[in-house]
N, C-alpha and C. Protein backbone atom coordinates (compact mmCIF):
# COMPACT_ATOMS: atom_id res chain seq x y z
N MET A 1 0.61 -1.34 -0.27
CA MET A 1 -0.05 0.16 0.25
C MET A 1 0.81 1.63 -0.04
N SER A 2 1.86 1.21 0.48
CA SER A 2 2.94 2.01 0.76
C SER A 2 3.75 2.45 -0.68
N ASN A 3 3.67 1.61 -0.52
CA ASN A 3 4.61 2.30 -1.99
C ASN A 3 3.60 2.53 -3.88
N VAL A 4 2.29 2.34 -3.00
CA VAL A 4 1.45 2.93 -4.27
C VAL A 4 1.42 4.02 -3.63
N LYS A 5 1.98 4.13 -2.63
CA LYS A 5 1.52 6.31 -2.42
C LYS A 5 2.94 6.31 -2.84
N ILE A 6 3.35 6.49 -2.85
CA ILE A 6 5.25 6.68 -2.76
C ILE A 6 5.00 7.24 -4.14
N ARG A 7 4.64 6.07 -5.78
CA ARG A 7 4.73 6.20 -6.92
C ARG A 7 3.43 7.38 -6.98
N LYS A 8 3.20 7.91 -6.55
CA LYS A 8 1.42 8.96 -6.39
C LYS A 8 2.59 9.75 -6.60
N ILE A 9 3.08 10.32 -5.06
CA ILE A 9 3.42 10.82 -4.72
C ILE A 9 4.97 11.26 -6.11
N GLU A 10 5.51 10.39 -6.41
CA GLU A 10 6.81 10.41 -7.06
C GLU A 10 5.84 11.49 -8.54
N LYS A 11 4.45 10.73 -8.94
CA LYS A 11 4.24 11.05 -10.36
C LYS A 11 3.89 12.65 -9.86
N GLU A 12 3.07 12.71 -8.78
CA GLU A 12 2.84 14.16 -8.98
C GLU A 12 4.39 15.67 -8.99
N ILE A 13 5.40 14.79 -7.71
CA ILE A 13 5.80 15.39 -7.95
C ILE A 13 6.77 15.95 -9.76
N GLU A 14 6.64 14.52 -10.46
CA GLU A 14 7.56 15.40 -11.80
C GLU A 14 6.42 15.69 -12.10
N GLN A 15 5.29 16.08 -12.44
CA GLN A 15 4.49 17.21 -13.41
C GLN A 15 4.36 18.37 -12.72
N ILE A 16 4.79 18.48 -11.55
CA ILE A 16 5.05 19.44 -10.84
C ILE A 16 6.08 20.31 -11.57
N LYS A 17 7.50 19.47 -11.40
CA LYS A 17 8.52 19.72 -12.74
C LYS A 17 8.30 20.72 -13.60
N GLU A 18 7.67 19.35 -14.18
CA GLU A 18 7.32 19.52 -15.34
C GLU A 18 6.30 21.43 -15.83
N ARG A 19 5.81 21.59 -15.44
CA ARG A 19 4.36 22.16 -14.77
C ARG A 19 5.70 23.74 -14.96
N LEU A 20 6.93 23.56 -13.61
CA LEU A 20 7.57 24.63 -13.42
C LEU A 20 9.10 25.23 -14.75
N GLN A 21 8.77 24.07 -15.31
CA GLN A 21 9.47 24.47 -16.73
C GLN A 21 9.10 25.74 -17.57
N GLU A 22 7.99 25.34 -17.65
CA GLU A 22 7.08 26.09 -18.69
C GLU A 22 6.56 27.85 -17.77
N VAL A 23 6.89 27.84 -16.06
CA VAL A 23 6.58 28.92 -16.13
C VAL A 23 7.50 30.65 -16.76
N GLY A 24 6.34 31.30 -16.62
CA GLY A 24 7.55 32.86 -17.20
C GLY A 24 7.54 33.82 -16.92
N GLU A 25 7.91 34.87 -17.34
CA GLU A 25 8.51 36.13 -16.78
C GLU A 25 7.43 36.25 -14.60
N MET A 26 8.15 36.65 -14.08
CA MET A 26 7.15 36.23 -12.39
C MET A 26 8.04 37.55 -12.15
N ARG A 27 7.17 37.87 -11.12
CA ARG A 27 7.77 39.00 -9.81
C ARG A 27 6.74 38.65 -8.30
N PRO A 28 7.10 39.07 -7.47
CA PRO A 28 6.98 38.84 -6.41
C PRO A 28 6.07 39.90 -5.87
N GLY A 29 5.46 40.18 -4.89
CA GLY A 29 4.29 40.61 -5.03
C GLY A 29 2.76 41.78 -4.40
N SER A 30 2.20 41.71 -4.35
CA SER A 30 0.91 43.29 -4.36
C SER A 30 1.07 44.42 -4.91
N LEU A 31 -0.26 43.77 -6.51
CA LEU A 31 -0.47 45.30 -6.55
C LEU A 31 -1.10 45.78 -6.75
N THR A 32 -0.89 46.90 -6.12
CA THR A 32 -2.14 47.67 -5.78
C THR A 32 -2.56 48.61 -6.23
N GLN A 33 -3.91 48.89 -6.21
CA GLN A 33 -4.05 51.11 -6.70
C GLN A 33 -4.51 52.10 -5.48
N GLN A 34 -3.17 53.45 -5.65
CA GLN A 34 -2.99 53.73 -4.51
C GLN A 34 -3.20 55.51 -5.29
N TYR A 35 -4.01 56.68 -4.41
CA TYR A 35 -4.45 57.70 -4.82
C TYR A 35 -3.37 58.47 -4.15
N ARG A 36 -3.00 59.43 -4.28
CA ARG A 36 -2.66 61.00 -3.98
C ARG A 36 -3.07 61.58 -3.28
N VAL A 37 -4.48 61.30 -2.99
CA VAL A 37 -4.97 62.61 -2.74
C VAL A 37 -6.40 61.27 -1.82
N PRO A 38 -6.46 60.53 -1.15
CA PRO A 38 -7.17 59.45 -0.95
C PRO A 38 -8.74 59.82 -0.47
N SER A 39 -8.80 60.42 -0.11
CA SER A 39 -10.20 61.31 0.67
C SER A 39 -11.29 61.01 -0.99
N GLU A 40 -10.50 62.35 -2.05
CA GLU A 40 -11.27 62.03 -3.35
C GLU A 40 -11.24 61.93 -3.47
N LYS A 41 -10.45 60.58 -3.97
CA LYS A 41 -9.70 59.59 -5.49
C LYS A 41 -9.36 60.46 -6.37
N ARG A 42 -8.24 60.76 -6.18
CA ARG A 42 -7.33 61.78 -7.23
C ARG A 42 -6.35 61.25 -7.10
N GLY A 43 -5.95 61.65 -9.00
CA GLY A 43 -4.15 60.69 -8.64
C GLY A 43 -4.09 59.71 -9.22
N ALA A 44 -4.31 59.19 -9.37
CA ALA A 44 -4.35 57.84 -8.71
C ALA A 44 -3.07 56.70 -9.92
N TYR A 45 -2.33 55.77 -8.76
CA TYR A 45 -0.53 55.39 -9.33
C TYR A 45 -1.25 53.62 -8.65
N TYR A 46 -0.59 53.00 -9.27
CA TYR A 46 -0.04 51.37 -9.16
C TYR A 46 0.85 51.54 -8.75
N GLN A 47 1.01 50.67 -7.93
CA GLN A 47 2.03 50.32 -6.32
C GLN A 47 2.70 48.84 -5.67
N LEU A 48 3.51 47.86 -6.99
CA LEU A 48 3.78 46.99 -5.92
C LEU A 48 4.78 47.16 -4.51
N SER A 49 4.02 46.47 -3.85
CA SER A 49 4.68 46.49 -2.59
C SER A 49 5.80 44.44 -2.15
N TYR A 50 5.94 44.40 -1.96
CA TYR A 50 7.40 43.03 -2.05
C TYR A 50 8.70 42.61 -1.35
N MET A 51 8.78 41.73 -0.95
CA MET A 51 9.35 41.67 0.26
C MET A 51 10.46 40.79 -0.52
N HIS A 52 11.80 41.06 -0.44
CA HIS A 52 12.86 40.54 -0.96
C HIS A 52 14.55 40.91 -0.16
N LYS A 53 14.85 39.35 -0.11
CA LYS A 53 15.75 39.16 0.92
C LYS A 53 15.84 40.09 2.17
N MET A 54 14.21 39.81 2.67
CA MET A 54 13.98 40.04 4.05
C MET A 54 14.38 41.96 4.73
N LYS A 55 14.15 42.33 3.56
CA LYS A 55 12.62 44.06 3.01
C LYS A 55 12.29 44.50 2.51
N SER A 56 11.72 44.35 3.11
CA SER A 56 10.37 45.10 2.11
C SER A 56 10.27 46.53 1.35
N ARG A 57 10.47 46.07 0.45
CA ARG A 57 10.15 47.30 -0.84
C ARG A 57 9.08 47.75 -1.54
N THR A 58 8.70 49.14 -2.21
CA THR A 58 7.82 49.07 -2.58
C THR A 58 8.27 50.01 -4.43
N ASP A 59 7.88 49.72 -4.90
CA ASP A 59 8.35 50.40 -6.63
C ASP A 59 6.87 50.88 -7.09
N TYR A 60 6.28 51.57 -7.87
CA TYR A 60 6.13 52.52 -8.69
C TYR A 60 5.45 51.46 -9.96
N VAL A 61 4.43 51.35 -10.12
CA VAL A 61 3.94 51.03 -11.71
C VAL A 61 3.82 51.91 -12.35
N ARG A 62 3.89 52.05 -13.83
CA ARG A 62 3.32 53.02 -14.83
C ARG A 62 1.94 52.64 -15.29
N PRO A 63 0.96 53.42 -16.09
CA PRO A 63 -0.13 52.14 -16.04
C PRO A 63 0.43 51.69 -17.25
N GLN A 64 1.29 52.05 -18.48
CA GLN A 64 0.88 51.34 -19.57
C GLN A 64 1.59 49.44 -19.49
N PHE A 65 2.19 49.56 -17.71
CA PHE A 65 3.37 48.50 -17.56
C PHE A 65 2.57 47.48 -16.85
N PHE A 66 1.05 48.11 -16.33
CA PHE A 66 0.09 47.44 -14.91
C PHE A 66 -0.25 45.73 -15.52
N ASP A 67 -0.42 45.99 -17.04
CA ASP A 67 -0.80 44.49 -16.79
C ASP A 67 -0.15 43.81 -16.75
N GLN A 68 1.30 43.50 -17.51
CA GLN A 68 1.87 43.76 -17.53
C GLN A 68 2.69 42.67 -15.77
N ILE A 69 2.73 43.19 -15.34
CA ILE A 69 3.58 42.98 -13.82
C ILE A 69 2.23 42.77 -13.74
N ARG A 70 0.74 42.55 -13.80
CA ARG A 70 -0.03 41.91 -12.71
C ARG A 70 0.00 40.93 -13.34
N LEU A 71 0.23 40.33 -14.69
CA LEU A 71 0.27 39.49 -14.95
C LEU A 71 1.75 38.36 -14.29
N GLN A 72 2.40 39.08 -14.23
CA GLN A 72 3.97 38.84 -14.20
C GLN A 72 3.69 38.41 -12.24
N VAL A 73 3.00 38.96 -11.55
CA VAL A 73 2.45 38.56 -9.68
C VAL A 73 2.13 37.33 -9.93
N ALA A 74 1.20 36.68 -11.09
CA ALA A 74 -0.24 36.22 -10.94
C ALA A 74 1.22 35.04 -11.02
N THR A 75 1.99 35.01 -12.26
CA THR A 75 2.52 33.55 -12.64
C THR A 75 3.68 33.39 -10.83
N TYR A 76 4.19 34.27 -10.69
CA TYR A 76 5.01 33.80 -9.36
C TYR A 76 3.85 33.75 -7.58
N LYS A 77 2.21 33.77 -7.43
CA LYS A 77 2.09 33.53 -6.59
C LYS A 77 1.34 31.53 -6.89
N ARG A 78 1.65 31.31 -8.80
CA ARG A 78 1.03 29.55 -9.30
C ARG A 78 2.56 28.93 -8.46
N PHE A 79 4.34 30.33 -9.11
CA PHE A 79 4.93 29.07 -8.86
C PHE A 79 5.04 28.67 -7.44
N LYS A 80 4.84 29.55 -6.22
CA LYS A 80 5.60 29.61 -5.07
C LYS A 80 3.85 28.20 -4.62
N LYS A 81 3.22 28.33 -5.54
CA LYS A 81 2.83 27.61 -4.85
C LYS A 81 2.68 26.03 -5.39
N MET A 82 3.43 25.93 -6.30
CA MET A 82 3.67 24.63 -7.08
C MET A 82 5.46 24.22 -6.36
N VAL A 83 6.13 25.13 -6.11
CA VAL A 83 7.20 24.79 -4.46
C VAL A 83 6.59 24.59 -3.71
N ASN A 84 5.81 25.01 -2.57
CA ASN A 84 5.31 24.41 -1.63
C ASN A 84 4.42 22.81 -2.00
N ARG A 85 3.38 22.94 -2.20
CA ARG A 85 3.06 21.66 -2.24
C ARG A 85 3.58 20.61 -2.93
N TRP A 86 5.51 21.19 -3.58
CA TRP A 86 6.38 20.03 -3.91
C TRP A 86 6.83 19.26 -2.86
N ILE A 87 7.77 20.54 -2.02
CA ILE A 87 7.90 20.34 -0.48
C ILE A 87 7.25 19.71 0.55
N GLU A 88 5.78 19.99 0.31
CA GLU A 88 4.87 19.18 0.70
C GLU A 88 4.62 17.05 0.46
N LEU A 89 4.82 17.53 -0.33
CA LEU A 89 4.78 16.27 -1.82
C LEU A 89 6.14 15.38 -0.45
N ALA A 90 7.33 15.58 -1.29
CA ALA A 90 8.64 15.82 -1.16
C ALA A 90 8.77 15.17 0.96
N ILE A 91 8.39 15.58 1.60
CA ILE A 91 8.29 15.01 3.14
C ILE A 91 7.10 13.93 3.31
N LEU A 92 6.34 13.82 2.84
CA LEU A 92 5.15 12.60 2.95
C LEU A 92 6.39 11.78 2.08
N HIS A 93 7.23 11.67 0.78
CA HIS A 93 7.64 10.59 0.26
C HIS A 93 9.27 10.30 1.12
N SER A 94 9.92 11.04 2.28
CA SER A 94 10.64 10.60 2.72
C SER A 94 10.33 10.32 4.08
N LYS A 95 8.93 10.48 5.13
CA LYS A 95 8.09 9.88 5.65
C LYS A 95 7.69 8.33 5.18
N LEU A 96 7.01 8.68 4.24
CA LEU A 96 7.05 7.17 3.74
C LEU A 96 7.92 5.86 3.38
N THR A 97 8.88 6.65 3.09
CA THR A 97 10.14 5.85 2.44
C THR A 97 11.31 5.24 3.75
N MET A 98 10.57 6.04 5.04
CA MET A 98 11.92 5.64 6.45
C MET A 98 11.00 4.53 7.03
N ASP A 99 9.58 5.10 7.02
CA ASP A 99 7.88 3.95 6.90
C ASP A 99 8.35 2.26 6.97
N ILE A 100 8.33 2.71 5.29
CA ILE A 100 8.89 1.29 4.81
C ILE A 100 10.07 0.47 5.60
N ALA A 101 11.02 1.08 5.44
CA ALA A 101 12.64 1.14 5.28
C ALA A 101 12.08 -0.31 7.09
N LYS A 102 11.79 1.16 7.77
CA LYS A 102 11.82 0.83 10.02
C LYS A 102 11.26 -0.99 9.30
N LYS A 103 10.36 -1.01 8.45
CA LYS A 103 9.46 -1.64 8.68
C LYS A 103 10.29 -3.38 8.35
N LYS A 104 11.21 -3.25 6.91
CA LYS A 104 11.77 -3.94 6.25
C LYS A 104 12.57 -4.63 7.48
N VAL A 105 13.40 -3.94 8.55
CA VAL A 105 14.06 -4.33 8.67
C VAL A 105 14.43 -4.54 10.52
N HIS A 106 13.72 -5.86 10.32
CA HIS A 106 13.53 -5.99 11.50
C HIS A 106 14.33 -6.73 12.75
N ILE A 107 14.17 -5.97 13.58
CA ILE A 107 15.11 -6.27 14.96
C ILE A 107 14.96 -7.15 15.48
N PRO A 108 16.02 -8.67 16.40
CA PRO A 108 15.20 -9.59 17.26
C PRO A 108 15.20 -8.80 18.47
N VAL A 109 14.85 -9.08 19.35
CA VAL A 109 14.61 -8.77 20.64
C VAL A 109 14.74 -10.38 21.61
N LYS A 110 15.90 -10.63 21.84
CA LYS A 110 16.08 -11.16 23.00
C LYS A 110 15.85 -10.98 24.61
N VAL A 111 15.34 -12.58 24.80
CA VAL A 111 14.55 -13.03 26.07
C VAL A 111 15.40 -13.11 27.41
N ALA A 112 14.92 -12.80 28.11
CA ALA A 112 15.61 -13.13 28.94
C ALA A 112 15.42 -14.62 29.60
N GLY A 113 15.94 -14.61 29.82
CA GLY A 113 15.69 -16.81 30.60
C GLY A 113 16.06 -17.11 30.74
């Protein structure tokens, strides 16, 4: 039973690897619209906020690049989701492999007598 689970996990990991090869341009962060005068919603501009190397950063995005950056942010989110799933599967694979190996190694116990 566990061998079947391991093969399913390995197959899903291979599928993730294949999808990762198709990942295009990406960029971390959240893209939001801000206003220079928020109370009147005037002076709209776009802002990209993200963390990189443990530092919070903010970039301003010109309107003509909004769609491009939005797609890059969406690609990054899909990328992170795939990597996180791969990590979950790798941990499960490791645990199952160790469980199988533990069951195969039978250490006889000496009975005092």
